Amino acid sequence: MTTDWQGRHVTVAGLGVSGIPAARVLSGLGARVTVVNDGDDERSRTQAAELEAAGITVRLGDGATLPEGTDLVVTTPGWKPDKPLFAAAAAAGVEVWGDVELAWRLRGEDAAPWLAVTGTNGKTTTVRMLASILEAAGLRTAAVGNIGVSLLDVVTGEQEYDVLAVELSSYQLHWAPSLRAHSAAVLNLAPDHLDWHGSMEAYAADKGRVYEGNQVACVYNVADKATEDLVRDADVEEGCRAIGFTLNAPAPSQLGVVDGILVDRAFVPDRQKQAQELAEIADVRPPAPHNIANALAAAALARAYGVPASAVREGLRAFRPDAHRMEHVADVDGVAYIDDSKATNTHAAQASLGSYESIVWIAGGLAKGATFDELVAGAAARLKGVVLIGADRALISEALARHAPQVPVVDLDRTDTGAMSEAVRQAARLAGPGDTVLMAPACASMDMFTNYNKRGDAFAAAVRELGASA
């Protein structure tokens, strides 16, 4: 824990949901804080005025220059590592921390341990499942981090916790060199945010940082060898174990599934001969394969912390998934309409497409450098039709032409507010009783919507409009 902040000159890179709390916390500890921000719009000026009223210096429209006298930079997660500010900091011998690193350094002497979760997909669901299990065990806990609850607020607040369920993004891990979790899980690895990290290797390496210094368990996905490789490469504390999760029958030191039962062969007295029943597949909502994997990862972290099997079952039964995650919106004329707007990359969309048999797929948006051949080839047999929206829809259209030429495709060349209503109407035209209209875009939303939540809301509104007219 860093205790002497009095008079330190800290530059905070970026405003927003993590930059503003970091600036306020550091100023409250006695640091001399300067916030730099690339943007100089109306919102930024309003935020700057509030910070300046609290004695914090703010420089808008100039995020490239390192303020003179800076002896630490604290960055918001979205700032890319190749920003000129960071090169200037490196040249001056100035450390760069992220908001997670700052929170880790500010923890108290008897701070609650962290159970950390990262991965390309499923992080938020797994962390919320984990928190539900920990609560069922009677522990004081919270789901925090990239999930939307600031770690800085938690570690500097008055509320006391026994243990924290922490979601961490690759951005946050990149800038968190000192983080040492009690136990951690990497759920999966697939190409994502490569424009930020520069390569798949760099992206994976940042994800793997979550295992560094783990005390009890490094939880990995048996079906995703890259996650196990990260465990092998990690420098952990003596006695820390590699714990796998699998949708098949588990080997020793794994959690898995046997005859519809989630079982533990890792945290039992004799893992060679024993297995502990944790829950039934029916206790997991939705019981799609990728979500059962999430539940197993959450259970592994909870068991690593010593939670009894009964609490795993109770916690999974009590858990309710967030909106826009394979959410059943309605049935209209015998067709199920599913909102998986959270499927913002190909890996997430693959899990979603694999959960239904006959699909009219609504897809498209910002591809973020992704390619779609593997996704389309794997789903081709399930596709009854496709409706494409968004800026990079041509990339999906080209993959469909190569791998599913028999599937009818509607290409919507519009990005106005009524585009989603038109997409749903076109999907309804292609679908018949027993089919599923699945909005799992495999792309980010910002070309047409503020975020994936707004995209999902637009889909749900369009489905309700369709139902009202049926």
Protein backbone atom coordinates (compact mmCIF):
# COMPACT_ATOMS: atom_id res chain seq x y z
CA MET A 1 0.00 0.00 0.00
CA THR A 2 1.29 3.46 -0.99
CA THR A 3 0.75 5.88 1.91
CA ASP A 4 2.73 9.05 1.16
CA TRP A 5 0.78 10.97 -1.48
CA GLN A 6 1.27 14.41 0.01
CA GLY A 7 2.71 16.71 -2.66
CA ARG A 8 3.18 14.01 -5.32
CA HIS A 9 2.42 15.31 -8.81
CA VAL A 10 0.11 12.77 -10.46
CA THR A 11 -1.17 13.13 -14.01
CA VAL A 12 -4.49 11.39 -14.68
CA ALA A 13 -4.96 10.48 -18.34
CA GLY A 14 -8.58 10.87 -19.35
CA LEU A 15 -11.87 11.92 -17.84
CA GLY A 16 -14.83 9.57 -17.63
CA VAL A 17 -15.98 6.83 -15.31
CA SER A 18 -12.52 5.94 -14.00
CA GLY A 19 -10.50 9.12 -14.55
CA ILE A 20 -12.74 11.41 -12.51
CA PRO A 21 -12.87 9.13 -9.41
CA ALA A 22 -9.08 8.60 -9.63
CA ALA A 23 -8.47 12.35 -9.74
CA ARG A 24 -10.77 12.98 -6.78
CA VAL A 25 -9.32 10.17 -4.67
CA LEU A 26 -5.73 11.23 -5.32
CA SER A 27 -6.49 14.87 -4.62
CA GLY A 28 -8.17 13.84 -1.37
CA LEU A 29 -5.00 12.00 -0.37
CA GLY A 30 -2.96 15.16 -0.80
CA ALA A 31 -1.54 14.63 -4.29
CA ARG A 32 -1.18 17.51 -6.75
CA VAL A 33 -3.35 16.26 -9.63
CA THR A 34 -3.42 17.30 -13.27
CA VAL A 35 -6.00 15.70 -15.56
CA VAL A 36 -5.23 15.66 -19.30
CA ASN A 37 -7.88 14.83 -21.85
CA ASP A 38 -7.87 14.61 -25.65
CA GLY A 39 -11.42 15.89 -26.00
CA ASP A 40 -12.62 19.45 -25.46
CA ASP A 41 -16.37 19.14 -25.94
CA GLU A 42 -19.20 20.50 -23.83
CA ARG A 43 -19.38 17.43 -21.59
CA SER A 44 -15.62 17.50 -20.98
CA ARG A 45 -15.76 21.19 -20.09
CA THR A 46 -18.55 20.54 -17.58
CA GLN A 47 -16.56 17.73 -15.97
CA ALA A 48 -13.43 19.86 -15.95
CA ALA A 49 -15.23 22.72 -14.19
CA GLU A 50 -16.38 20.35 -11.42
CA LEU A 51 -12.84 19.04 -10.90
CA GLU A 52 -11.29 22.51 -10.99
CA ALA A 53 -13.73 23.61 -8.29
CA ALA A 54 -12.19 20.86 -6.14
CA GLY A 55 -8.67 22.22 -6.74
CA ILE A 56 -7.71 19.81 -9.56
CA THR A 57 -5.97 21.14 -12.67
CA VAL A 58 -7.51 20.03 -15.98
CA ARG A 59 -5.99 20.37 -19.48
CA LEU A 60 -8.50 19.75 -22.27
CA GLY A 61 -7.56 19.08 -25.87
CA ASP A 62 -3.97 18.17 -25.00
CA GLY A 63 -3.55 14.56 -24.00
CA ALA A 64 -0.20 14.07 -25.68
CA THR A 65 2.13 16.18 -23.53
CA LEU A 66 3.37 15.05 -20.12
CA PRO A 67 2.91 17.89 -17.61
CA GLU A 68 6.18 19.12 -16.19
CA GLY A 69 7.09 17.62 -12.83
CA THR A 70 4.86 14.54 -13.18
CA ASP A 71 6.12 11.64 -11.07
CA LEU A 72 3.23 9.21 -11.73
CA VAL A 73 0.66 8.74 -14.50
CA VAL A 74 -2.68 7.09 -13.74
CA THR A 75 -4.55 6.21 -16.93
CA THR A 76 -8.11 5.32 -17.75
CA PRO A 77 -8.42 1.88 -19.40
CA GLY A 78 -9.38 3.12 -22.86
CA TRP A 79 -6.12 4.96 -23.59
CA LYS A 80 -3.99 2.87 -25.94
CA PRO A 81 -0.44 1.97 -24.90
CA ASP A 82 0.98 3.71 -27.97
CA LYS A 83 -0.27 7.17 -26.91
CA PRO A 84 2.50 9.80 -27.00
CA LEU A 85 1.87 10.61 -23.33
CA PHE A 86 3.05 7.14 -22.31
CA ALA A 87 6.15 7.34 -24.49
CA ALA A 88 6.97 10.64 -22.80
CA ALA A 89 6.43 9.05 -19.39
CA ALA A 90 8.74 6.14 -20.26
CA ALA A 91 11.43 8.53 -21.48
CA ALA A 92 11.19 10.46 -18.20
CA GLY A 93 11.28 7.29 -16.08
CA VAL A 94 7.71 7.87 -14.84
CA GLU A 95 5.54 4.85 -13.97
CA VAL A 96 2.11 4.38 -15.54
CA TRP A 97 -0.67 2.78 -13.50
CA GLY A 98 -4.25 2.00 -14.40
CA ASP A 99 -7.23 2.54 -12.12
CA VAL A 100 -7.06 -1.10 -11.00
CA GLU A 101 -3.39 -0.76 -10.06
CA LEU A 102 -4.22 2.37 -8.08
CA ALA A 103 -7.06 0.58 -6.29
CA TRP A 104 -4.77 -2.36 -5.50
CA ARG A 105 -2.13 -0.03 -4.04
CA LEU A 106 -4.71 1.82 -1.93
CA ARG A 107 -6.13 -1.26 -0.21
CA GLY A 108 -5.99 -1.32 3.56
CA GLU A 109 -3.85 -3.68 5.66
CA ASP A 110 -6.68 -6.19 6.14
CA ALA A 111 -8.30 -5.69 2.74
CA ALA A 112 -10.65 -8.29 1.30
CA PRO A 113 -8.96 -10.72 -1.12
CA TRP A 114 -9.87 -10.57 -4.81
CA LEU A 115 -11.31 -13.42 -6.85
CA ALA A 116 -10.61 -12.16 -10.37
CA VAL A 117 -12.24 -13.05 -13.69
CA THR A 118 -11.17 -12.14 -17.21
CA GLY A 119 -11.61 -13.59 -20.70
CA THR A 120 -12.96 -12.53 -24.05
CA ASN A 121 -16.58 -13.36 -23.20
CA GLY A 122 -18.68 -14.21 -20.16
CA LYS A 123 -16.82 -12.07 -17.61
CA THR A 124 -19.76 -10.09 -16.27
CA THR A 125 -22.07 -13.10 -16.04
CA THR A 126 -19.40 -15.18 -14.29
CA VAL A 127 -18.56 -12.43 -11.79
CA ARG A 128 -22.23 -11.91 -10.96
CA MET A 129 -22.71 -15.68 -10.56
CA LEU A 130 -19.66 -15.75 -8.29
CA ALA A 131 -20.99 -12.91 -6.14
CA SER A 132 -24.33 -14.70 -5.86
CA ILE A 133 -22.59 -17.89 -4.69
CA LEU A 134 -20.46 -15.98 -2.17
CA GLU A 135 -23.57 -14.24 -0.83
CA ALA A 136 -25.32 -17.60 -0.50
CA ALA A 137 -22.39 -18.67 1.70
CA GLY A 138 -23.08 -15.72 4.01
CA LEU A 139 -20.04 -13.71 2.92
CA ARG A 140 -19.94 -9.94 2.60
CA THR A 141 -19.09 -9.41 -1.06
CA ALA A 142 -19.70 -7.31 -4.17
CA ALA A 143 -19.31 -7.70 -7.92
CA VAL A 144 -16.88 -4.92 -8.86
CA GLY A 145 -14.37 -3.71 -11.45
CA ASN A 146 -15.10 -3.65 -15.17
CA ILE A 147 -18.68 -4.63 -14.31
CA GLY A 148 -19.40 -0.96 -13.56
CA VAL A 149 -18.77 -0.66 -9.82
CA SER A 150 -15.53 1.25 -9.30
CA LEU A 151 -12.81 -0.62 -7.44
CA LEU A 152 -11.52 2.73 -6.22
CA ASP A 153 -14.86 3.48 -4.60
CA VAL A 154 -14.88 0.04 -2.97
CA VAL A 155 -11.34 0.11 -1.56
CA THR A 156 -11.63 3.67 -0.26
CA GLY A 157 -15.20 3.35 1.04
CA GLU A 158 -16.37 2.53 4.55
CA GLN A 159 -18.17 -0.73 3.67
CA GLU A 160 -16.25 -3.80 4.83
CA TYR A 161 -16.08 -6.95 2.71
CA ASP A 162 -14.90 -10.51 3.25
CA VAL A 163 -14.03 -11.11 -0.40
CA LEU A 164 -14.55 -9.33 -3.74
CA ALA A 165 -15.66 -10.77 -7.08
CA VAL A 166 -13.66 -8.70 -9.58
CA GLU A 167 -14.16 -8.42 -13.34
CA LEU A 168 -11.02 -7.26 -15.16
CA SER A 169 -10.64 -6.29 -18.80
CA SER A 170 -7.47 -6.75 -20.84
CA TYR A 171 -7.08 -2.95 -20.81
CA GLN A 172 -7.15 -2.87 -17.02
CA LEU A 173 -4.75 -5.80 -16.68
CA HIS A 174 -2.26 -4.17 -19.04
CA TRP A 175 -1.78 -1.34 -16.54
CA ALA A 176 -1.91 -3.43 -13.32
CA PRO A 177 1.57 -4.91 -12.77
CA SER A 178 1.27 -5.35 -8.99
CA LEU A 179 -2.11 -7.10 -8.87
CA ARG A 180 -1.98 -10.39 -6.95
CA ALA A 181 -5.34 -12.17 -6.67
CA HIS A 182 -6.33 -14.90 -4.22
CA SER A 183 -7.50 -16.91 -7.25
CA ALA A 184 -8.31 -16.01 -10.84
CA ALA A 185 -9.94 -17.38 -13.99
CA VAL A 186 -9.40 -16.77 -17.71
CA LEU A 187 -12.67 -17.98 -19.23
CA ASN A 188 -11.64 -18.06 -22.90
CA LEU A 189 -9.45 -16.34 -25.47
CA ALA A 190 -10.49 -15.19 -28.93
CA PRO A 191 -9.41 -12.26 -31.10
CA ASP A 192 -10.82 -9.02 -29.68
CA HIS A 193 -9.59 -5.46 -29.14
CA LEU A 194 -6.60 -6.19 -31.39
CA ASP A 195 -6.64 -2.56 -32.50
CA TRP A 196 -5.80 -1.63 -28.89
CA HIS A 197 -3.31 -4.39 -28.07
CA GLY A 198 -1.63 -4.59 -31.47
CA SER A 199 -1.62 -8.39 -31.75
CA MET A 200 -3.29 -11.53 -30.47
CA GLU A 201 -0.11 -12.39 -28.58
CA ALA A 202 -0.12 -9.07 -26.74
CA TYR A 203 -3.83 -9.42 -25.98
CA ALA A 204 -3.35 -12.92 -24.54
CA ALA A 205 -0.34 -11.81 -22.51
CA ASP A 206 -2.38 -9.03 -20.89
CA LYS A 207 -5.17 -11.46 -20.06
CA GLY A 208 -2.58 -13.81 -18.54
CA ARG A 209 -1.46 -11.12 -16.08
CA VAL A 210 -4.49 -12.04 -13.97
CA TYR A 211 -2.71 -15.27 -12.92
CA GLU A 212 0.48 -13.58 -11.70
CA GLY A 213 1.01 -14.15 -8.00
CA ASN A 214 -2.18 -16.18 -7.50
CA GLN A 215 -2.28 -17.76 -4.07
CA VAL A 216 -4.72 -20.68 -4.28
CA ALA A 217 -6.07 -21.44 -7.76
CA CYS A 218 -5.56 -20.53 -11.42
CA VAL A 219 -8.82 -21.53 -13.10
CA TYR A 220 -8.66 -22.29 -16.84
CA ASN A 221 -10.93 -23.58 -19.61
CA VAL A 222 -10.07 -27.16 -20.58
CA ALA A 223 -11.64 -26.60 -24.03
CA ASP A 224 -9.44 -23.56 -24.66
CA LYS A 225 -5.78 -24.64 -24.52
CA ALA A 226 -4.58 -21.04 -24.69
CA THR A 227 -5.97 -20.41 -21.20
CA GLU A 228 -4.06 -23.40 -19.81
CA ASP A 229 -0.90 -22.15 -21.53
CA LEU A 230 -1.28 -18.86 -19.66
CA VAL A 231 -1.42 -20.78 -16.37
CA ARG A 232 1.77 -22.65 -17.27
CA ASP A 233 3.53 -19.36 -17.97
CA ALA A 234 2.39 -17.63 -14.78
CA ASP A 235 4.60 -17.03 -11.75
CA VAL A 236 2.35 -18.01 -8.83
CA GLU A 237 2.76 -18.54 -5.12
CA GLU A 238 4.00 -21.91 -3.86
CA GLY A 239 1.10 -24.36 -3.61
CA CYS A 240 -1.20 -22.54 -6.05
CA ARG A 241 -3.05 -25.10 -8.19
CA ALA A 242 -4.21 -25.24 -11.81
CA ILE A 243 -7.95 -25.98 -11.82
CA GLY A 244 -9.75 -26.76 -15.07
CA PHE A 245 -13.43 -26.52 -15.94
CA THR A 246 -15.05 -28.57 -18.70
CA LEU A 247 -18.48 -29.40 -20.09
CA ASN A 248 -17.42 -33.05 -20.08
CA ALA A 249 -16.77 -35.42 -17.20
CA PRO A 250 -13.98 -33.86 -15.11
CA ALA A 251 -10.56 -35.35 -14.52
CA PRO A 252 -8.90 -34.86 -11.12
CA SER A 253 -8.38 -31.15 -10.31
CA GLN A 254 -11.25 -30.20 -12.60
CA LEU A 255 -14.91 -29.23 -12.38
CA GLY A 256 -17.25 -30.59 -15.02
CA VAL A 257 -20.59 -32.14 -15.93
CA VAL A 258 -21.77 -35.73 -15.41
CA ASP A 259 -25.32 -36.78 -16.37
CA GLY A 260 -26.66 -33.25 -16.09
CA ILE A 261 -24.91 -32.58 -12.76
CA LEU A 262 -22.17 -29.99 -12.15
CA VAL A 263 -19.49 -31.78 -10.13
CA ASP A 264 -16.22 -30.91 -8.42
CA ARG A 265 -13.15 -33.17 -8.56
CA ALA A 266 -10.76 -30.42 -7.47
CA PHE A 267 -11.72 -29.33 -3.97
CA VAL A 268 -12.51 -32.73 -2.41
CA PRO A 269 -10.40 -34.79 0.02
CA ASP A 270 -9.58 -37.50 -2.55
CA ARG A 271 -9.85 -36.06 -6.05
CA GLN A 272 -8.67 -39.34 -7.60
CA LYS A 273 -11.74 -41.21 -6.34
CA GLN A 274 -14.26 -38.62 -5.19
CA ALA A 275 -16.51 -36.04 -6.79
CA GLN A 276 -18.78 -33.52 -5.08
CA GLU A 277 -22.18 -32.68 -6.58
CA LEU A 278 -22.57 -28.89 -6.84
CA ALA A 279 -25.75 -28.21 -8.82
CA GLU A 280 -27.87 -29.38 -11.73
CA ILE A 281 -27.80 -27.92 -15.23
CA ALA A 282 -31.39 -26.82 -14.57
CA ASP A 283 -30.06 -24.55 -11.80
CA VAL A 284 -28.18 -22.48 -14.41
CA ARG A 285 -30.06 -19.80 -16.34
CA PRO A 286 -29.95 -19.86 -19.30
CA PRO A 287 -28.71 -23.48 -19.49
CA ALA A 288 -26.80 -22.87 -22.74
CA PRO A 289 -23.39 -24.57 -22.97
CA HIS A 290 -21.34 -21.39 -22.70
CA ASN A 291 -23.32 -20.31 -19.63
CA ILE A 292 -22.80 -23.68 -17.93
CA ALA A 293 -19.08 -23.08 -18.49
CA ASN A 294 -19.48 -19.68 -16.81
CA ALA A 295 -21.18 -21.35 -13.86
CA LEU A 296 -18.39 -23.91 -13.52
CA ALA A 297 -15.74 -21.16 -13.54
CA ALA A 298 -17.64 -19.21 -10.87
CA ALA A 299 -18.03 -22.37 -8.80
CA ALA A 300 -14.30 -23.12 -9.09
CA LEU A 301 -13.34 -19.70 -7.76
CA ALA A 302 -15.88 -19.94 -4.94
CA ARG A 303 -14.66 -23.42 -4.00
CA ALA A 304 -11.08 -22.14 -4.06
CA TYR A 305 -12.17 -19.65 -1.42
CA GLY A 306 -13.67 -22.45 0.69
CA VAL A 307 -17.36 -22.06 -0.11
CA PRO A 308 -19.47 -25.18 0.60
CA ALA A 309 -21.16 -27.05 -2.24
CA SER A 310 -24.63 -26.13 -0.95
CA ALA A 311 -23.88 -22.43 -1.46
CA VAL A 312 -22.93 -23.07 -5.10
CA ARG A 313 -26.36 -24.53 -5.77
CA GLU A 314 -28.19 -21.80 -3.85
CA GLY A 315 -26.18 -19.04 -5.51
CA LEU A 316 -26.75 -20.34 -9.05
CA ARG A 317 -30.47 -20.74 -8.40
CA ALA A 318 -30.68 -17.17 -7.09
CA PHE A 319 -28.75 -15.67 -10.00
CA ARG A 320 -30.61 -13.75 -12.70
CA PRO A 321 -28.68 -12.88 -15.89
CA ASP A 322 -28.35 -9.27 -17.00
CA ALA A 323 -30.37 -7.92 -19.88
CA HIS A 324 -29.24 -8.41 -23.49
CA ARG A 325 -27.54 -11.74 -22.79
CA MET A 326 -29.50 -14.37 -24.71
CA GLU A 327 -32.62 -12.75 -23.31
CA HIS A 328 -35.94 -14.17 -24.52
CA VAL A 329 -37.96 -11.11 -25.58
CA ALA A 330 -41.17 -12.72 -26.88
CA ASP A 331 -42.75 -15.38 -29.07
CA VAL A 332 -44.61 -14.00 -32.08
CA ASP A 333 -46.51 -16.35 -34.41
CA GLY A 334 -44.54 -19.33 -33.10
CA VAL A 335 -41.14 -17.66 -33.58
CA ALA A 336 -38.86 -16.99 -30.59
CA TYR A 337 -37.06 -13.62 -30.53
CA ILE A 338 -33.77 -13.61 -28.61
CA ASP A 339 -31.74 -10.51 -27.68
CA ASP A 340 -28.02 -11.23 -27.39
CA SER A 341 -26.83 -7.70 -28.12
CA LYS A 342 -23.95 -8.36 -25.70
CA ALA A 343 -22.47 -10.65 -28.37
CA THR A 344 -20.14 -7.89 -29.58
CA ASN A 345 -17.51 -10.21 -31.10
CA THR A 346 -17.38 -13.43 -33.08
CA HIS A 347 -16.56 -15.63 -30.09
CA ALA A 348 -19.67 -14.52 -28.21
CA ALA A 349 -21.83 -14.86 -31.31
CA GLN A 350 -20.51 -18.38 -31.89
CA ALA A 351 -21.73 -19.45 -28.44
CA SER A 352 -25.10 -17.89 -29.11
CA LEU A 353 -25.54 -19.39 -32.57
CA GLY A 354 -24.62 -22.80 -31.19
CA SER A 355 -27.55 -22.69 -28.75
CA TYR A 356 -30.41 -22.80 -31.29
CA GLU A 357 -31.30 -25.15 -34.13
CA SER A 358 -33.01 -23.06 -36.81
CA ILE A 359 -32.01 -19.40 -36.82
CA VAL A 360 -32.75 -16.18 -38.62
CA TRP A 361 -29.71 -14.19 -37.61
CA ILE A 362 -29.55 -10.40 -37.24
CA ALA A 363 -25.87 -9.41 -37.37
CA GLY A 364 -23.48 -6.57 -38.08
CA GLY A 365 -22.03 -3.36 -36.67
CA LEU A 366 -18.39 -2.42 -36.06
CA ALA A 367 -16.16 -5.44 -36.70
CA LYS A 368 -13.15 -4.12 -34.69
CA GLY A 369 -10.78 -5.90 -37.06
CA ALA A 370 -12.54 -9.28 -36.83
CA THR A 371 -13.04 -11.78 -39.64
CA PHE A 372 -16.17 -13.93 -39.96
CA ASP A 373 -15.34 -16.99 -42.05
CA GLU A 374 -14.96 -19.39 -39.14
CA LEU A 375 -18.12 -18.12 -37.44
CA VAL A 376 -20.25 -18.40 -40.56
CA ALA A 377 -18.86 -21.80 -41.59
CA GLY A 378 -19.63 -23.21 -38.14
CA ALA A 379 -23.18 -21.86 -38.08
CA ALA A 380 -24.15 -22.38 -41.74
CA ALA A 381 -26.24 -25.51 -41.12
CA ARG A 382 -28.33 -23.69 -38.52
CA LEU A 383 -29.06 -20.58 -40.56
CA LYS A 384 -32.46 -20.20 -42.21
CA GLY A 385 -31.83 -16.57 -43.10
CA VAL A 386 -29.69 -13.56 -42.24
CA VAL A 387 -30.45 -9.84 -41.89
CA LEU A 388 -27.36 -7.62 -41.95
CA ILE A 389 -27.08 -4.15 -40.41
CA GLY A 390 -24.30 -1.74 -39.56
CA ALA A 391 -21.10 -0.29 -40.96
CA ASP A 392 -19.12 -3.52 -41.49
CA ARG A 393 -21.97 -5.77 -42.64
CA ALA A 394 -20.21 -6.37 -45.98
CA LEU A 395 -17.56 -8.45 -44.18
CA ILE A 396 -20.25 -10.83 -42.92
CA SER A 397 -22.00 -10.81 -46.30
CA GLU A 398 -18.78 -11.90 -48.01
CA ALA A 399 -18.27 -14.72 -45.50
CA LEU A 400 -21.86 -15.87 -46.06
CA ALA A 401 -21.30 -15.92 -49.82
CA ARG A 402 -18.25 -18.15 -49.31
CA HIS A 403 -19.57 -20.54 -46.68
CA ALA A 404 -23.40 -20.39 -46.75
CA PRO A 405 -24.40 -19.37 -50.30
CA GLN A 406 -27.75 -21.14 -49.96
CA VAL A 407 -28.89 -18.92 -47.07
CA PRO A 408 -31.08 -15.92 -48.03
CA VAL A 409 -29.55 -12.60 -46.93
CA VAL A 410 -31.20 -9.22 -46.48
CA ASP A 411 -28.66 -6.38 -46.55
CA LEU A 412 -30.06 -3.22 -44.89
CA ASP A 413 -28.17 -0.18 -46.12
CA ARG A 414 -29.41 2.21 -43.44
CA THR A 415 -28.25 3.37 -40.01
CA ASP A 416 -31.18 5.55 -38.92
CA THR A 417 -33.22 4.96 -35.78
CA GLY A 418 -35.75 2.87 -37.67
CA ALA A 419 -33.19 0.40 -39.00
CA MET A 420 -33.70 -2.12 -36.19
CA SER A 421 -37.47 -2.13 -36.71
CA GLU A 422 -36.90 -2.88 -40.38
CA ALA A 423 -34.39 -5.62 -39.48
CA VAL A 424 -36.92 -7.31 -37.19
CA ARG A 425 -39.66 -7.08 -39.85
CA GLN A 426 -37.36 -8.63 -42.44
CA ALA A 427 -36.31 -11.38 -40.00
CA ALA A 428 -39.97 -12.15 -39.27
CA ARG A 429 -40.57 -12.51 -43.02
CA LEU A 430 -37.78 -15.12 -43.24
CA ALA A 431 -38.79 -17.05 -40.10
CA GLY A 432 -41.48 -19.64 -39.55
CA PRO A 433 -42.99 -21.46 -36.54
CA GLY A 434 -40.29 -23.18 -34.50
CA ASP A 435 -37.52 -20.86 -35.70
CA THR A 436 -35.51 -18.42 -33.59
CA VAL A 437 -34.79 -14.84 -34.61
CA LEU A 438 -31.46 -14.22 -32.93
CA MET A 439 -29.93 -10.77 -32.64
CA ALA A 440 -26.31 -11.71 -31.91
CA PRO A 441 -24.44 -9.08 -33.96
CA ALA A 442 -20.83 -10.35 -33.56
CA CYS A 443 -19.88 -6.66 -33.74
CA ALA A 444 -19.74 -3.58 -31.57
CA SER A 445 -22.70 -1.21 -31.63
CA MET A 446 -21.27 2.30 -31.75
CA ASP A 447 -21.83 2.83 -35.48
CA MET A 448 -25.58 2.95 -34.87
CA PHE A 449 -26.16 3.00 -31.11
CA THR A 450 -24.64 4.49 -27.97
CA ASN A 451 -23.85 1.00 -26.64
CA TYR A 452 -24.99 -2.62 -26.84
CA ASN A 453 -27.71 -1.92 -24.25
CA LYS A 454 -29.36 0.66 -26.52
CA ARG A 455 -29.08 -1.75 -29.43
CA GLY A 456 -30.79 -4.46 -27.40
CA ASP A 457 -33.49 -2.05 -26.28
CA ALA A 458 -34.17 -1.13 -29.91
CA PHE A 459 -34.48 -4.82 -30.82
CA ALA A 460 -36.88 -5.51 -27.94
CA ALA A 461 -39.01 -2.48 -28.86
CA ALA A 462 -39.16 -3.63 -32.47
CA VAL A 463 -40.24 -7.13 -31.38
CA ARG A 464 -42.99 -5.69 -29.18
CA GLU A 465 -44.13 -3.55 -32.11
CA LEU A 466 -44.20 -6.66 -34.29
CA GLY A 467 -46.22 -8.54 -31.67
CA ALA A 468 -48.74 -5.73 -31.35
CA SER A 469 -49.38 -5.81 -35.10
CA ALA A 470 -49.55 -9.61 -35.35
